[in-house]
N, C-alpha and C. Protein backbone atom coordinates (compact mmCIF):
# COMPACT_ATOMS: atom_id res chain seq x y z
N UNK A 1 53.34 -50.44 -9.38
CA UNK A 1 54.17 -49.80 -10.37
C UNK A 1 54.03 -50.50 -11.73
N UNK A 2 54.00 -51.85 -11.72
CA UNK A 2 53.86 -52.59 -12.98
C UNK A 2 52.53 -52.25 -13.66
N UNK A 3 51.50 -52.09 -12.84
CA UNK A 3 50.17 -51.78 -13.38
C UNK A 3 50.18 -50.42 -14.09
N UNK A 4 50.82 -49.43 -13.49
CA UNK A 4 50.91 -48.10 -14.09
C UNK A 4 51.71 -48.15 -15.39
N UNK A 5 52.82 -48.88 -15.38
CA UNK A 5 53.63 -49.03 -16.59
C UNK A 5 52.82 -49.70 -17.70
N UNK A 6 52.09 -50.75 -17.36
CA UNK A 6 51.26 -51.46 -18.33
C UNK A 6 50.19 -50.53 -18.91
N UNK A 7 49.53 -49.77 -18.07
CA UNK A 7 48.49 -48.84 -18.52
C UNK A 7 49.11 -47.76 -19.41
N UNK A 8 50.27 -47.27 -19.05
CA UNK A 8 50.95 -46.26 -19.85
C UNK A 8 51.31 -46.81 -21.22
N UNK A 9 51.80 -48.02 -21.28
CA UNK A 9 52.14 -48.65 -22.56
C UNK A 9 50.88 -48.80 -23.42
N UNK A 10 49.79 -49.25 -22.83
CA UNK A 10 48.52 -49.37 -23.57
C UNK A 10 48.05 -48.02 -24.09
N UNK A 11 48.15 -46.99 -23.27
CA UNK A 11 47.72 -45.65 -23.65
C UNK A 11 48.54 -45.14 -24.82
N UNK A 12 49.86 -45.27 -24.75
CA UNK A 12 50.74 -44.81 -25.83
C UNK A 12 50.46 -45.61 -27.10
N UNK A 13 50.25 -46.90 -26.97
CA UNK A 13 49.93 -47.73 -28.13
C UNK A 13 48.63 -47.30 -28.77
N UNK A 14 47.63 -47.00 -27.98
CA UNK A 14 46.33 -46.57 -28.50
C UNK A 14 46.44 -45.26 -29.25
N UNK A 15 47.26 -44.35 -28.76
CA UNK A 15 47.44 -43.07 -29.45
C UNK A 15 48.11 -43.27 -30.79
N UNK A 16 49.12 -44.13 -30.85
CA UNK A 16 49.87 -44.29 -32.09
C UNK A 16 49.14 -45.13 -33.13
N UNK A 17 48.16 -45.93 -32.75
CA UNK A 17 47.47 -46.79 -33.70
C UNK A 17 46.77 -45.97 -34.79
N UNK A 18 46.02 -44.95 -34.43
CA UNK A 18 45.30 -44.14 -35.40
C UNK A 18 46.21 -43.53 -36.44
N UNK A 19 47.31 -42.99 -36.01
CA UNK A 19 48.23 -42.37 -36.94
C UNK A 19 48.96 -43.44 -37.75
N UNK A 20 49.29 -44.54 -37.14
CA UNK A 20 50.03 -45.56 -37.88
C UNK A 20 49.16 -46.23 -38.94
N UNK A 21 47.83 -46.22 -38.77
CA UNK A 21 46.96 -46.74 -39.82
C UNK A 21 47.20 -46.01 -41.13
N UNK A 22 47.23 -44.68 -41.07
CA UNK A 22 47.48 -43.89 -42.27
C UNK A 22 48.91 -44.11 -42.75
N UNK A 23 49.86 -44.15 -41.82
CA UNK A 23 51.25 -44.40 -42.19
C UNK A 23 51.38 -45.72 -42.94
N UNK A 24 50.77 -46.77 -42.40
CA UNK A 24 50.85 -48.09 -43.03
C UNK A 24 50.19 -48.09 -44.40
N UNK A 25 49.04 -47.45 -44.50
CA UNK A 25 48.33 -47.37 -45.78
C UNK A 25 49.20 -46.69 -46.83
N UNK A 26 49.75 -45.55 -46.49
CA UNK A 26 50.56 -44.81 -47.47
C UNK A 26 51.87 -45.52 -47.79
N UNK A 27 52.45 -46.20 -46.81
CA UNK A 27 53.67 -46.98 -47.09
C UNK A 27 53.36 -48.13 -48.03
N UNK A 28 52.16 -48.69 -47.91
CA UNK A 28 51.77 -49.82 -48.75
C UNK A 28 51.55 -49.39 -50.21
N UNK A 29 50.95 -48.23 -50.42
CA UNK A 29 50.54 -47.83 -51.77
C UNK A 29 51.43 -46.76 -52.42
N UNK A 30 52.14 -45.97 -51.63
CA UNK A 30 52.92 -44.87 -52.18
C UNK A 30 54.40 -45.17 -52.16
N UNK A 31 55.11 -44.52 -53.08
CA UNK A 31 56.56 -44.67 -53.16
C UNK A 31 57.30 -43.44 -52.66
N UNK A 32 56.56 -42.40 -52.30
CA UNK A 32 57.13 -41.10 -51.90
C UNK A 32 57.85 -40.43 -53.06
N UNK A 33 57.44 -40.77 -54.27
CA UNK A 33 58.03 -40.15 -55.46
C UNK A 33 57.67 -38.67 -55.55
N UNK A 34 56.58 -38.30 -54.88
CA UNK A 34 56.18 -36.91 -54.75
C UNK A 34 56.30 -36.60 -53.26
N UNK A 35 57.17 -35.66 -52.89
CA UNK A 35 57.37 -35.41 -51.46
C UNK A 35 56.09 -34.96 -50.77
N UNK A 36 55.95 -35.35 -49.52
CA UNK A 36 54.78 -34.98 -48.74
C UNK A 36 54.92 -33.57 -48.17
N UNK A 37 53.76 -32.96 -47.96
CA UNK A 37 53.64 -31.75 -47.17
C UNK A 37 52.57 -32.05 -46.13
N UNK A 38 52.79 -31.62 -44.91
CA UNK A 38 51.81 -31.88 -43.86
C UNK A 38 50.64 -30.91 -43.97
N UNK A 39 49.51 -31.31 -43.40
CA UNK A 39 48.35 -30.41 -43.42
C UNK A 39 48.66 -29.14 -42.63
N UNK A 40 49.44 -29.25 -41.58
CA UNK A 40 49.79 -28.08 -40.79
C UNK A 40 50.63 -27.09 -41.61
N UNK A 41 51.60 -27.62 -42.35
CA UNK A 41 52.45 -26.76 -43.17
C UNK A 41 51.64 -26.09 -44.28
N UNK A 42 50.76 -26.86 -44.93
CA UNK A 42 49.93 -26.27 -45.97
C UNK A 42 49.03 -25.19 -45.39
N UNK A 43 48.43 -25.45 -44.25
CA UNK A 43 47.54 -24.48 -43.61
C UNK A 43 48.26 -23.16 -43.37
N UNK A 44 49.50 -23.23 -42.93
CA UNK A 44 50.28 -22.02 -42.63
C UNK A 44 50.72 -21.28 -43.89
N UNK A 45 50.83 -22.02 -45.03
CA UNK A 45 51.39 -21.43 -46.25
C UNK A 45 50.45 -21.56 -47.44
N UNK A 46 49.14 -21.58 -47.18
CA UNK A 46 48.17 -21.84 -48.26
C UNK A 46 48.30 -20.88 -49.44
N UNK A 47 48.61 -19.63 -49.17
CA UNK A 47 48.70 -18.64 -50.25
C UNK A 47 49.90 -18.86 -51.16
N UNK A 48 50.83 -19.69 -50.73
CA UNK A 48 52.03 -19.94 -51.52
C UNK A 48 51.85 -21.05 -52.55
N UNK A 49 50.74 -21.79 -52.46
CA UNK A 49 50.56 -22.98 -53.29
C UNK A 49 49.34 -22.91 -54.18
N UNK A 50 49.46 -23.52 -55.34
CA UNK A 50 48.31 -23.86 -56.16
C UNK A 50 47.86 -25.22 -55.65
N UNK A 51 46.64 -25.32 -55.15
CA UNK A 51 46.15 -26.56 -54.54
C UNK A 51 45.22 -27.25 -55.52
N UNK A 52 45.57 -28.48 -55.90
CA UNK A 52 44.82 -29.24 -56.89
C UNK A 52 44.15 -30.45 -56.26
N UNK A 53 42.83 -30.53 -56.44
CA UNK A 53 42.04 -31.66 -55.95
C UNK A 53 41.93 -32.66 -57.09
N UNK A 54 42.47 -33.85 -56.89
CA UNK A 54 42.56 -34.85 -57.96
C UNK A 54 41.48 -35.93 -57.87
N UNK A 55 40.47 -35.70 -57.04
CA UNK A 55 39.40 -36.69 -56.89
C UNK A 55 38.36 -36.55 -58.01
N UNK A 56 37.38 -37.42 -57.97
CA UNK A 56 36.27 -37.34 -58.92
C UNK A 56 35.44 -36.11 -58.63
N UNK A 57 34.76 -35.61 -59.66
CA UNK A 57 33.98 -34.39 -59.54
C UNK A 57 32.96 -34.46 -58.40
N UNK A 58 32.26 -35.60 -58.26
CA UNK A 58 31.26 -35.71 -57.19
C UNK A 58 31.89 -35.64 -55.80
N UNK A 59 33.12 -36.10 -55.66
CA UNK A 59 33.81 -36.00 -54.38
C UNK A 59 34.14 -34.54 -54.08
N UNK A 60 34.64 -33.84 -55.08
CA UNK A 60 34.98 -32.43 -54.94
C UNK A 60 33.76 -31.59 -54.59
N UNK A 61 32.63 -31.91 -55.22
CA UNK A 61 31.41 -31.12 -54.99
C UNK A 61 30.87 -31.30 -53.57
N UNK A 62 31.05 -32.47 -52.98
CA UNK A 62 30.62 -32.68 -51.59
C UNK A 62 31.44 -31.78 -50.67
N UNK A 63 32.76 -31.80 -50.85
CA UNK A 63 33.63 -30.92 -50.07
C UNK A 63 35.03 -30.91 -50.65
N UNK A 64 35.70 -29.82 -50.37
CA UNK A 64 37.10 -29.67 -50.78
C UNK A 64 37.77 -28.62 -49.90
N UNK A 65 39.07 -28.57 -50.00
CA UNK A 65 39.84 -27.58 -49.26
C UNK A 65 39.59 -26.22 -49.89
N UNK A 66 39.31 -25.20 -49.09
CA UNK A 66 39.06 -23.86 -49.66
C UNK A 66 40.21 -23.42 -50.57
N UNK A 67 39.85 -22.92 -51.73
CA UNK A 67 40.85 -22.45 -52.69
C UNK A 67 41.35 -23.51 -53.63
N UNK A 68 40.97 -24.76 -53.41
CA UNK A 68 41.44 -25.84 -54.28
C UNK A 68 40.77 -25.77 -55.65
N UNK A 69 41.50 -26.23 -56.65
CA UNK A 69 41.00 -26.30 -58.02
C UNK A 69 40.78 -27.76 -58.36
N UNK A 70 39.60 -28.09 -58.86
CA UNK A 70 39.35 -29.47 -59.27
C UNK A 70 39.99 -29.72 -60.62
N UNK A 71 40.75 -30.81 -60.71
CA UNK A 71 41.44 -31.12 -61.95
C UNK A 71 41.15 -32.52 -62.47
N UNK A 72 40.29 -33.25 -61.82
CA UNK A 72 39.98 -34.61 -62.23
C UNK A 72 41.13 -35.52 -61.86
N UNK A 73 40.94 -36.80 -62.09
CA UNK A 73 41.99 -37.76 -61.80
C UNK A 73 42.98 -37.86 -62.95
N UNK A 74 42.70 -37.22 -64.04
CA UNK A 74 43.53 -37.36 -65.23
C UNK A 74 44.31 -36.08 -65.51
N UNK A 75 45.58 -36.26 -65.81
CA UNK A 75 46.39 -35.13 -66.25
C UNK A 75 46.08 -34.94 -67.73
N UNK A 76 45.58 -33.79 -68.07
CA UNK A 76 45.35 -33.49 -69.48
C UNK A 76 45.66 -32.03 -69.73
N UNK A 77 45.65 -31.64 -70.96
CA UNK A 77 46.06 -30.28 -71.31
C UNK A 77 45.18 -29.20 -70.70
N UNK A 78 43.96 -29.50 -70.34
CA UNK A 78 43.08 -28.46 -69.82
C UNK A 78 43.57 -27.89 -68.49
N UNK A 79 44.26 -28.66 -67.67
CA UNK A 79 44.71 -28.12 -66.40
C UNK A 79 45.96 -27.27 -66.54
N UNK A 80 46.64 -27.35 -67.65
CA UNK A 80 47.88 -26.60 -67.79
C UNK A 80 47.65 -25.16 -68.21
N UNK A 81 46.43 -24.82 -68.57
CA UNK A 81 46.13 -23.46 -69.01
C UNK A 81 46.52 -22.43 -67.95
N UNK A 82 46.32 -22.75 -66.67
CA UNK A 82 46.63 -21.80 -65.61
C UNK A 82 48.03 -21.97 -65.03
N UNK A 83 48.74 -23.01 -65.41
CA UNK A 83 50.05 -23.27 -64.80
C UNK A 83 51.18 -23.40 -65.82
N UNK A 84 50.89 -23.36 -67.10
CA UNK A 84 51.90 -23.61 -68.14
C UNK A 84 53.14 -22.74 -68.01
N UNK A 85 52.95 -21.49 -67.75
CA UNK A 85 54.08 -20.56 -67.75
C UNK A 85 55.01 -20.76 -66.57
N UNK A 86 54.53 -21.40 -65.51
CA UNK A 86 55.33 -21.53 -64.30
C UNK A 86 55.54 -22.99 -63.93
N UNK A 87 56.48 -23.61 -64.55
CA UNK A 87 56.76 -25.02 -64.24
C UNK A 87 57.35 -25.19 -62.85
N UNK A 88 57.83 -24.09 -62.25
CA UNK A 88 58.38 -24.19 -60.90
C UNK A 88 57.40 -23.68 -59.83
N UNK A 89 56.18 -23.40 -60.24
CA UNK A 89 55.16 -22.92 -59.30
C UNK A 89 54.92 -23.97 -58.22
N UNK A 90 54.88 -23.58 -56.96
CA UNK A 90 54.59 -24.53 -55.89
C UNK A 90 53.16 -25.08 -56.02
N UNK A 91 53.05 -26.39 -56.10
CA UNK A 91 51.76 -27.06 -56.28
C UNK A 91 51.61 -28.13 -55.20
N UNK A 92 50.40 -28.20 -54.62
CA UNK A 92 50.06 -29.29 -53.71
C UNK A 92 48.91 -30.06 -54.34
N UNK A 93 49.05 -31.37 -54.41
CA UNK A 93 47.99 -32.24 -54.92
C UNK A 93 47.41 -33.02 -53.74
N UNK A 94 46.11 -33.28 -53.80
CA UNK A 94 45.49 -34.11 -52.76
C UNK A 94 44.32 -34.87 -53.34
N UNK A 95 43.91 -35.91 -52.61
CA UNK A 95 42.74 -36.71 -52.95
C UNK A 95 42.06 -37.05 -51.62
N UNK A 96 41.68 -38.29 -51.42
CA UNK A 96 41.07 -38.68 -50.14
C UNK A 96 42.12 -38.93 -49.07
N UNK A 97 43.10 -39.79 -49.39
CA UNK A 97 44.14 -40.12 -48.41
C UNK A 97 45.56 -39.84 -48.92
N UNK A 98 45.74 -39.70 -50.23
CA UNK A 98 47.06 -39.38 -50.76
C UNK A 98 47.61 -40.35 -51.78
N UNK A 99 46.82 -41.32 -52.20
CA UNK A 99 47.30 -42.32 -53.16
C UNK A 99 47.09 -41.84 -54.59
N UNK A 100 45.86 -41.48 -54.92
CA UNK A 100 45.58 -40.97 -56.27
C UNK A 100 46.37 -39.69 -56.54
N UNK A 101 46.52 -38.87 -55.51
CA UNK A 101 47.24 -37.61 -55.71
C UNK A 101 48.72 -37.84 -55.98
N UNK A 102 49.30 -38.89 -55.40
CA UNK A 102 50.70 -39.18 -55.72
C UNK A 102 50.82 -39.55 -57.20
N UNK A 103 49.90 -40.36 -57.70
CA UNK A 103 49.93 -40.72 -59.12
C UNK A 103 49.83 -39.46 -60.00
N UNK A 104 48.92 -38.56 -59.63
CA UNK A 104 48.73 -37.32 -60.38
C UNK A 104 50.00 -36.47 -60.30
N UNK A 105 50.57 -36.37 -59.11
CA UNK A 105 51.80 -35.60 -58.94
C UNK A 105 52.95 -36.15 -59.77
N UNK A 106 53.04 -37.47 -59.87
CA UNK A 106 54.07 -38.08 -60.72
C UNK A 106 53.90 -37.66 -62.17
N UNK A 107 52.66 -37.63 -62.63
CA UNK A 107 52.40 -37.23 -64.02
C UNK A 107 52.71 -35.75 -64.23
N UNK A 108 52.42 -34.92 -63.23
CA UNK A 108 52.79 -33.51 -63.33
C UNK A 108 54.31 -33.36 -63.45
N UNK A 109 55.04 -34.12 -62.64
CA UNK A 109 56.50 -34.07 -62.69
C UNK A 109 57.02 -34.50 -64.06
N UNK A 110 56.38 -35.51 -64.65
CA UNK A 110 56.78 -35.94 -65.99
C UNK A 110 56.51 -34.87 -67.04
N UNK A 111 55.52 -34.00 -66.76
CA UNK A 111 55.21 -32.89 -67.67
C UNK A 111 56.13 -31.70 -67.43
N UNK A 112 57.05 -31.82 -66.46
CA UNK A 112 58.03 -30.77 -66.25
C UNK A 112 57.80 -29.88 -65.04
N UNK A 113 56.77 -30.15 -64.25
CA UNK A 113 56.54 -29.36 -63.04
C UNK A 113 57.54 -29.82 -61.99
N UNK A 114 58.25 -28.86 -61.40
CA UNK A 114 59.38 -29.20 -60.54
C UNK A 114 59.12 -29.01 -59.05
N UNK A 115 58.01 -28.40 -58.68
CA UNK A 115 57.76 -28.08 -57.28
C UNK A 115 56.39 -28.61 -56.85
N UNK A 116 56.25 -29.94 -56.92
CA UNK A 116 54.97 -30.60 -56.62
C UNK A 116 55.09 -31.35 -55.30
N UNK A 117 54.08 -31.16 -54.43
CA UNK A 117 54.04 -31.89 -53.16
C UNK A 117 52.68 -32.57 -53.02
N UNK A 118 52.69 -33.67 -52.30
CA UNK A 118 51.49 -34.46 -52.04
C UNK A 118 51.06 -34.22 -50.60
N UNK A 119 49.80 -33.84 -50.38
CA UNK A 119 49.30 -33.56 -49.04
C UNK A 119 49.18 -34.87 -48.27
N UNK A 120 49.97 -35.02 -47.22
CA UNK A 120 50.00 -36.25 -46.43
C UNK A 120 48.64 -36.48 -45.76
N UNK A 121 48.00 -37.59 -46.09
CA UNK A 121 46.69 -37.91 -45.54
C UNK A 121 45.55 -37.20 -46.24
N UNK A 122 45.88 -36.29 -47.13
CA UNK A 122 44.95 -35.56 -47.99
C UNK A 122 43.77 -34.96 -47.25
N UNK A 123 42.59 -34.94 -47.87
CA UNK A 123 41.45 -34.24 -47.27
C UNK A 123 41.01 -34.90 -45.96
N UNK A 124 41.23 -36.21 -45.81
CA UNK A 124 40.87 -36.87 -44.55
C UNK A 124 41.69 -36.27 -43.40
N UNK A 125 43.00 -36.15 -43.59
CA UNK A 125 43.87 -35.59 -42.56
C UNK A 125 43.54 -34.12 -42.31
N UNK A 126 43.21 -33.41 -43.38
CA UNK A 126 42.85 -31.99 -43.27
C UNK A 126 41.61 -31.84 -42.37
N UNK A 127 40.59 -32.63 -42.66
CA UNK A 127 39.35 -32.57 -41.88
C UNK A 127 39.58 -33.05 -40.45
N UNK A 128 40.32 -34.14 -40.31
CA UNK A 128 40.58 -34.69 -38.97
C UNK A 128 41.39 -33.73 -38.10
N UNK A 129 42.14 -32.85 -38.72
CA UNK A 129 42.91 -31.85 -37.97
C UNK A 129 42.02 -30.68 -37.54
N UNK A 130 40.78 -30.65 -38.05
CA UNK A 130 39.85 -29.59 -37.65
C UNK A 130 39.82 -28.41 -38.59
N UNK A 131 40.49 -28.51 -39.73
CA UNK A 131 40.51 -27.40 -40.68
C UNK A 131 39.23 -27.39 -41.50
N UNK A 132 38.83 -26.21 -41.92
CA UNK A 132 37.57 -26.03 -42.64
C UNK A 132 37.63 -26.61 -44.05
N UNK A 133 36.48 -27.15 -44.46
CA UNK A 133 36.28 -27.58 -45.84
C UNK A 133 35.00 -26.92 -46.32
N UNK A 134 34.82 -26.90 -47.64
CA UNK A 134 33.63 -26.25 -48.20
C UNK A 134 33.04 -27.11 -49.31
N UNK A 135 31.74 -26.87 -49.57
CA UNK A 135 31.06 -27.62 -50.63
C UNK A 135 31.16 -26.87 -51.95
N UNK A 136 30.46 -27.37 -52.96
CA UNK A 136 30.55 -26.77 -54.30
C UNK A 136 30.04 -25.33 -54.33
N UNK A 137 29.21 -24.94 -53.36
CA UNK A 137 28.71 -23.57 -53.28
C UNK A 137 29.58 -22.69 -52.39
N UNK A 138 30.75 -23.20 -52.02
CA UNK A 138 31.72 -22.50 -51.17
C UNK A 138 31.17 -22.22 -49.77
N UNK A 139 30.23 -23.08 -49.35
CA UNK A 139 29.68 -23.00 -47.99
C UNK A 139 30.41 -24.01 -47.11
N UNK A 140 30.68 -23.64 -45.86
CA UNK A 140 31.32 -24.60 -44.94
C UNK A 140 30.46 -25.86 -44.81
N UNK A 141 31.12 -26.99 -44.71
CA UNK A 141 30.40 -28.26 -44.56
C UNK A 141 31.19 -29.19 -43.65
N UNK A 142 30.50 -30.16 -43.11
CA UNK A 142 31.12 -31.19 -42.29
C UNK A 142 31.20 -32.51 -43.05
N UNK A 143 30.67 -32.53 -44.27
CA UNK A 143 30.59 -33.75 -45.08
C UNK A 143 31.86 -33.96 -45.89
N UNK A 144 32.26 -35.22 -45.97
CA UNK A 144 33.41 -35.60 -46.80
C UNK A 144 33.02 -36.85 -47.57
N UNK A 145 33.21 -36.81 -48.88
CA UNK A 145 32.97 -37.99 -49.70
C UNK A 145 34.14 -38.93 -49.46
N UNK A 146 33.84 -40.13 -48.94
CA UNK A 146 34.92 -41.06 -48.56
C UNK A 146 35.17 -42.15 -49.60
N UNK A 147 34.49 -42.07 -50.71
CA UNK A 147 34.68 -42.96 -51.85
C UNK A 147 34.08 -44.34 -51.61
N UNK A 148 34.40 -44.96 -50.48
CA UNK A 148 33.84 -46.28 -50.16
C UNK A 148 33.97 -46.54 -48.67
N UNK A 149 33.29 -47.56 -48.19
CA UNK A 149 33.38 -47.89 -46.76
C UNK A 149 34.79 -48.33 -46.39
N UNK A 150 35.49 -48.95 -47.30
CA UNK A 150 36.87 -49.36 -47.03
C UNK A 150 37.72 -48.13 -46.73
N UNK A 151 37.62 -47.10 -47.55
CA UNK A 151 38.42 -45.89 -47.34
C UNK A 151 37.84 -45.04 -46.22
N UNK A 152 36.54 -45.13 -46.00
CA UNK A 152 35.89 -44.32 -44.98
C UNK A 152 36.43 -44.52 -43.58
N UNK A 153 37.00 -45.68 -43.31
CA UNK A 153 37.52 -45.93 -41.95
C UNK A 153 38.71 -45.04 -41.62
N UNK A 154 39.32 -44.41 -42.61
CA UNK A 154 40.46 -43.54 -42.37
C UNK A 154 40.05 -42.12 -42.02
N UNK A 155 38.77 -41.78 -42.22
CA UNK A 155 38.27 -40.47 -41.81
C UNK A 155 37.72 -40.61 -40.40
N UNK A 156 38.27 -39.86 -39.48
CA UNK A 156 37.88 -39.99 -38.07
C UNK A 156 36.85 -38.95 -37.64
N UNK A 157 36.67 -37.88 -38.40
CA UNK A 157 35.72 -36.82 -38.04
C UNK A 157 34.83 -36.50 -39.24
N UNK A 158 33.76 -35.77 -39.00
CA UNK A 158 32.90 -35.32 -40.08
C UNK A 158 31.85 -36.34 -40.46
N UNK A 159 31.00 -35.94 -41.40
CA UNK A 159 29.92 -36.77 -41.91
C UNK A 159 30.40 -37.47 -43.18
N UNK A 160 30.39 -38.79 -43.16
CA UNK A 160 30.86 -39.58 -44.31
C UNK A 160 29.78 -39.69 -45.36
N UNK A 161 30.15 -39.36 -46.60
CA UNK A 161 29.25 -39.47 -47.75
C UNK A 161 29.85 -40.51 -48.69
N UNK A 162 28.98 -41.41 -49.18
CA UNK A 162 29.46 -42.49 -50.08
C UNK A 162 28.95 -42.28 -51.49
């Protein structure tokens, strides 16, 4: 009986480690100043949101969430052309894991946008959940730009591009 209990504890611990890695990372770097939305919730309600990819252009070109708009890492007047009239428009921001996108979301909120959410785990979580991503030609791809080997360890599926 003790052996079964021990194995069960190890099994449960092993399952929670992968998810807690992302949890620990985001707790370390994020303040939750921009509320999270899960990849599952976004997938179910994609048509309700303006989805903004806040990564570098080369990251976006390797792959992005279908329908996402690339906006760069910088908030500037060029991105407001399509959203200026609707400060309450539902917006989801994402990056690789959710750190850069929180910063971007904070700046959007300072510009008066009131309905901004940060995709929890960002494109890594999206891909790891098995949802489709596309390249710059809008073709399905398995590749994800992981920015660096340090960040790449958080992507569990797909082809890592550096």
